[in-house]
N, C-alpha and C. Protein backbone atom coordinates (compact mmCIF):
# COMPACT_ATOMS: atom_id res chain seq x y z
N UNK A 1 92.11 102.68 87.13
CA UNK A 1 93.47 102.77 86.67
C UNK A 1 94.30 101.69 87.36
N UNK A 2 95.13 101.03 86.64
CA UNK A 2 95.96 99.96 87.19
C UNK A 2 97.26 100.52 87.75
N UNK A 3 97.75 99.84 88.76
CA UNK A 3 99.00 100.22 89.40
C UNK A 3 99.83 98.94 89.57
N UNK A 4 101.06 98.98 89.10
CA UNK A 4 101.96 97.85 89.30
C UNK A 4 102.70 98.06 90.61
N UNK A 5 102.75 97.01 91.43
CA UNK A 5 103.58 97.03 92.62
C UNK A 5 104.59 95.90 92.48
N UNK A 6 105.73 96.05 93.14
CA UNK A 6 106.77 95.03 93.08
C UNK A 6 107.00 94.51 94.49
N UNK A 7 106.73 93.22 94.66
CA UNK A 7 106.92 92.55 95.94
C UNK A 7 108.29 91.90 95.98
N UNK A 8 108.86 91.82 97.17
CA UNK A 8 110.12 91.09 97.30
C UNK A 8 109.81 89.59 97.35
N UNK A 9 110.83 88.76 97.40
CA UNK A 9 110.62 87.31 97.32
C UNK A 9 109.75 86.78 98.46
N UNK A 10 109.96 87.27 99.68
CA UNK A 10 109.15 86.82 100.81
C UNK A 10 107.70 87.23 100.68
N UNK A 11 107.47 88.46 100.23
CA UNK A 11 106.10 88.95 100.03
C UNK A 11 105.39 88.15 98.94
N UNK A 12 106.10 87.90 97.84
CA UNK A 12 105.51 87.13 96.75
C UNK A 12 105.20 85.71 97.23
N UNK A 13 106.07 85.15 98.04
CA UNK A 13 105.84 83.82 98.58
C UNK A 13 104.55 83.78 99.41
N UNK A 14 104.32 84.80 100.22
CA UNK A 14 103.08 84.89 101.01
C UNK A 14 101.87 84.94 100.09
N UNK A 15 101.93 85.77 99.07
CA UNK A 15 100.81 85.90 98.16
C UNK A 15 100.53 84.60 97.43
N UNK A 16 101.57 83.91 97.02
CA UNK A 16 101.40 82.74 96.15
C UNK A 16 101.18 81.43 96.91
N UNK A 17 101.14 81.48 98.23
CA UNK A 17 100.87 80.25 98.98
C UNK A 17 99.53 79.66 98.55
N UNK A 18 99.42 78.35 98.65
CA UNK A 18 98.21 77.63 98.24
C UNK A 18 96.98 78.16 98.99
N UNK A 19 95.87 78.22 98.29
CA UNK A 19 94.61 78.69 98.86
C UNK A 19 93.64 77.52 98.91
N UNK A 20 93.14 77.25 100.11
CA UNK A 20 92.09 76.24 100.29
C UNK A 20 90.79 76.97 100.60
N UNK A 21 89.68 76.39 100.18
CA UNK A 21 88.38 76.99 100.47
C UNK A 21 87.83 77.75 99.28
N UNK A 22 86.58 78.17 99.43
CA UNK A 22 85.91 78.82 98.31
C UNK A 22 85.12 80.05 98.74
N UNK A 23 85.53 80.69 99.82
CA UNK A 23 84.84 81.89 100.27
C UNK A 23 85.30 83.13 99.54
N UNK A 24 84.79 84.26 99.96
CA UNK A 24 85.10 85.53 99.31
C UNK A 24 86.57 85.89 99.37
N UNK A 25 87.17 85.77 100.54
CA UNK A 25 88.59 86.15 100.65
C UNK A 25 89.47 85.16 99.90
N UNK A 26 89.10 83.88 99.90
CA UNK A 26 89.86 82.90 99.16
C UNK A 26 89.83 83.20 97.66
N UNK A 27 88.66 83.53 97.15
CA UNK A 27 88.54 83.88 95.73
C UNK A 27 89.30 85.17 95.41
N UNK A 28 89.30 86.11 96.34
CA UNK A 28 90.03 87.35 96.13
C UNK A 28 91.54 87.09 96.05
N UNK A 29 92.06 86.27 96.97
CA UNK A 29 93.50 85.96 96.94
C UNK A 29 93.85 85.24 95.64
N UNK A 30 93.00 84.33 95.21
CA UNK A 30 93.26 83.66 93.92
C UNK A 30 93.30 84.67 92.77
N UNK A 31 92.40 85.65 92.81
CA UNK A 31 92.38 86.68 91.76
C UNK A 31 93.70 87.45 91.76
N UNK A 32 94.20 87.79 92.95
CA UNK A 32 95.49 88.48 93.03
C UNK A 32 96.62 87.59 92.52
N UNK A 33 96.56 86.31 92.84
CA UNK A 33 97.60 85.38 92.36
C UNK A 33 97.64 85.34 90.84
N UNK A 34 96.48 85.40 90.19
CA UNK A 34 96.43 85.37 88.73
C UNK A 34 97.03 86.63 88.11
N UNK A 35 97.03 87.74 88.87
CA UNK A 35 97.57 89.00 88.38
C UNK A 35 99.06 89.14 88.65
N UNK A 36 99.62 88.17 89.36
CA UNK A 36 101.03 88.26 89.77
C UNK A 36 101.97 87.65 88.74
N UNK A 37 103.16 88.21 88.69
CA UNK A 37 104.27 87.67 87.91
C UNK A 37 105.35 87.27 88.90
N UNK A 38 105.28 86.04 89.41
CA UNK A 38 106.22 85.64 90.47
C UNK A 38 107.69 85.81 90.11
N UNK A 39 108.06 85.62 88.87
CA UNK A 39 109.47 85.71 88.48
C UNK A 39 110.03 87.12 88.67
N UNK A 40 109.19 88.14 88.50
CA UNK A 40 109.65 89.53 88.63
C UNK A 40 109.15 90.20 89.89
N UNK A 41 108.21 89.58 90.59
CA UNK A 41 107.63 90.17 91.80
C UNK A 41 106.53 91.16 91.53
N UNK A 42 106.16 91.34 90.28
CA UNK A 42 105.16 92.34 89.92
C UNK A 42 103.74 91.81 90.11
N UNK A 43 102.87 92.72 90.59
CA UNK A 43 101.44 92.43 90.70
C UNK A 43 100.71 93.66 90.17
N UNK A 44 99.80 93.44 89.24
CA UNK A 44 99.03 94.54 88.67
C UNK A 44 97.73 94.67 89.46
N UNK A 45 97.59 95.79 90.18
CA UNK A 45 96.42 96.04 91.01
C UNK A 45 95.56 97.13 90.38
N UNK A 46 94.27 96.86 90.26
CA UNK A 46 93.36 97.90 89.78
C UNK A 46 92.72 98.58 91.00
N UNK A 47 91.88 99.58 90.75
CA UNK A 47 91.27 100.34 91.84
C UNK A 47 90.46 99.45 92.77
N UNK A 48 89.75 98.47 92.23
CA UNK A 48 88.97 97.56 93.06
C UNK A 48 89.88 96.74 93.97
N UNK A 49 91.00 96.25 93.43
CA UNK A 49 91.96 95.52 94.26
C UNK A 49 92.47 96.39 95.40
N UNK A 50 92.80 97.64 95.08
CA UNK A 50 93.33 98.55 96.09
C UNK A 50 92.30 98.86 97.17
N UNK A 51 91.02 98.82 96.83
CA UNK A 51 89.96 98.96 97.84
C UNK A 51 89.75 97.67 98.61
N UNK A 52 89.83 96.54 97.91
CA UNK A 52 89.54 95.25 98.53
C UNK A 52 90.65 94.75 99.45
N UNK A 53 91.90 95.08 99.17
CA UNK A 53 92.99 94.58 100.01
C UNK A 53 92.81 95.00 101.46
N UNK A 54 92.65 96.30 101.79
CA UNK A 54 92.45 96.64 103.20
C UNK A 54 91.10 96.16 103.73
N UNK A 55 90.10 96.11 102.88
CA UNK A 55 88.79 95.64 103.31
C UNK A 55 88.88 94.20 103.82
N UNK A 56 89.47 93.33 103.02
CA UNK A 56 89.60 91.93 103.44
C UNK A 56 90.59 91.77 104.59
N UNK A 57 91.61 92.62 104.66
CA UNK A 57 92.61 92.50 105.71
C UNK A 57 92.11 92.97 107.08
N UNK A 58 91.25 93.99 107.10
CA UNK A 58 90.90 94.61 108.37
C UNK A 58 89.43 94.52 108.77
N UNK A 59 88.53 94.26 107.85
CA UNK A 59 87.10 94.36 108.18
C UNK A 59 86.42 93.05 108.54
N UNK A 60 87.15 91.95 108.53
CA UNK A 60 86.53 90.65 108.81
C UNK A 60 87.14 89.95 110.01
N UNK A 61 87.91 90.64 110.82
CA UNK A 61 88.57 89.98 111.94
C UNK A 61 89.92 89.44 111.52
N UNK A 62 90.62 88.91 112.49
CA UNK A 62 91.98 88.45 112.25
C UNK A 62 91.99 86.98 111.86
N UNK A 63 92.84 86.63 110.94
CA UNK A 63 92.96 85.24 110.52
C UNK A 63 94.11 85.08 109.54
N UNK A 64 94.26 83.89 109.02
CA UNK A 64 95.38 83.57 108.15
C UNK A 64 95.44 84.39 106.88
N UNK A 65 94.31 84.54 106.20
CA UNK A 65 94.33 85.29 104.94
C UNK A 65 94.53 86.77 105.19
N UNK A 66 93.96 87.26 106.28
CA UNK A 66 94.14 88.67 106.61
C UNK A 66 95.61 88.96 106.86
N UNK A 67 96.26 88.08 107.65
CA UNK A 67 97.69 88.24 107.91
C UNK A 67 98.50 88.14 106.62
N UNK A 68 98.08 87.26 105.73
CA UNK A 68 98.79 87.08 104.46
C UNK A 68 98.78 88.36 103.65
N UNK A 69 97.65 89.06 103.61
CA UNK A 69 97.56 90.30 102.85
C UNK A 69 98.47 91.37 103.45
N UNK A 70 98.51 91.46 104.77
CA UNK A 70 99.39 92.44 105.42
C UNK A 70 100.85 92.11 105.13
N UNK A 71 101.22 90.83 105.23
CA UNK A 71 102.61 90.43 104.97
C UNK A 71 102.99 90.65 103.51
N UNK A 72 102.06 90.41 102.60
CA UNK A 72 102.37 90.55 101.17
C UNK A 72 102.41 92.01 100.73
N UNK A 73 101.49 92.83 101.23
CA UNK A 73 101.36 94.19 100.69
C UNK A 73 101.69 95.32 101.66
N UNK A 74 101.98 95.01 102.92
CA UNK A 74 102.23 96.04 103.91
C UNK A 74 103.39 96.97 103.58
N UNK A 75 104.45 96.43 103.05
CA UNK A 75 105.61 97.26 102.73
C UNK A 75 105.31 98.22 101.58
N UNK A 76 104.63 97.73 100.55
CA UNK A 76 104.42 98.57 99.36
C UNK A 76 103.21 99.48 99.49
N UNK A 77 102.21 99.10 100.28
CA UNK A 77 101.01 99.92 100.43
C UNK A 77 100.95 100.67 101.76
N UNK A 78 101.84 100.33 102.68
CA UNK A 78 101.84 100.95 104.00
C UNK A 78 101.11 100.07 105.01
N UNK A 79 101.33 100.34 106.27
CA UNK A 79 100.79 99.52 107.34
C UNK A 79 99.28 99.39 107.34
N UNK A 80 98.60 100.40 106.84
CA UNK A 80 97.14 100.35 106.75
C UNK A 80 96.69 99.91 105.36
N UNK A 81 97.61 99.43 104.55
CA UNK A 81 97.34 98.90 103.21
C UNK A 81 96.60 99.88 102.31
N UNK A 82 97.01 101.14 102.39
CA UNK A 82 96.43 102.16 101.52
C UNK A 82 95.32 102.98 102.15
N UNK A 83 94.83 102.54 103.29
CA UNK A 83 93.82 103.34 103.99
C UNK A 83 94.55 104.45 104.75
N UNK A 84 93.95 105.61 104.70
CA UNK A 84 94.54 106.71 105.46
C UNK A 84 94.32 106.45 106.94
N UNK A 85 95.28 106.91 107.72
CA UNK A 85 95.12 106.80 109.17
C UNK A 85 93.92 107.66 109.58
N UNK A 86 93.10 107.10 110.45
CA UNK A 86 91.94 107.83 110.94
C UNK A 86 92.36 108.71 112.12
N UNK A 87 92.00 110.00 112.08
CA UNK A 87 92.35 110.85 113.22
C UNK A 87 91.54 110.44 114.44
N UNK A 88 92.11 110.67 115.61
CA UNK A 88 91.39 110.36 116.84
C UNK A 88 90.17 111.28 116.95
N UNK A 89 89.05 110.73 117.40
CA UNK A 89 87.84 111.58 117.53
C UNK A 89 88.06 112.66 118.58
N UNK A 90 87.48 113.80 118.33
CA UNK A 90 87.56 114.90 119.29
C UNK A 90 86.21 115.05 119.96
N UNK A 91 86.27 115.53 121.18
CA UNK A 91 85.01 115.72 121.91
C UNK A 91 84.60 117.15 121.91
């Protein structure tokens, strides 16, 4: 199921910044850019996108693209980008 999110101008600017390289995260960001409507701030995210955003942001270490995803989607998806907070382990 698709979900439309609306980014503000700064968030859209982060998403739409030029992408160099041809790795997995670079291709993913390009895919998100193609789904974006910069004039209105809308981005159409499907279930795979909603799974991939936190995956690419948190599971590969810290870097420029990871930070870009947090800056672009953190406000609309939450600080964990849609992942539920993990409870602290109990002993």
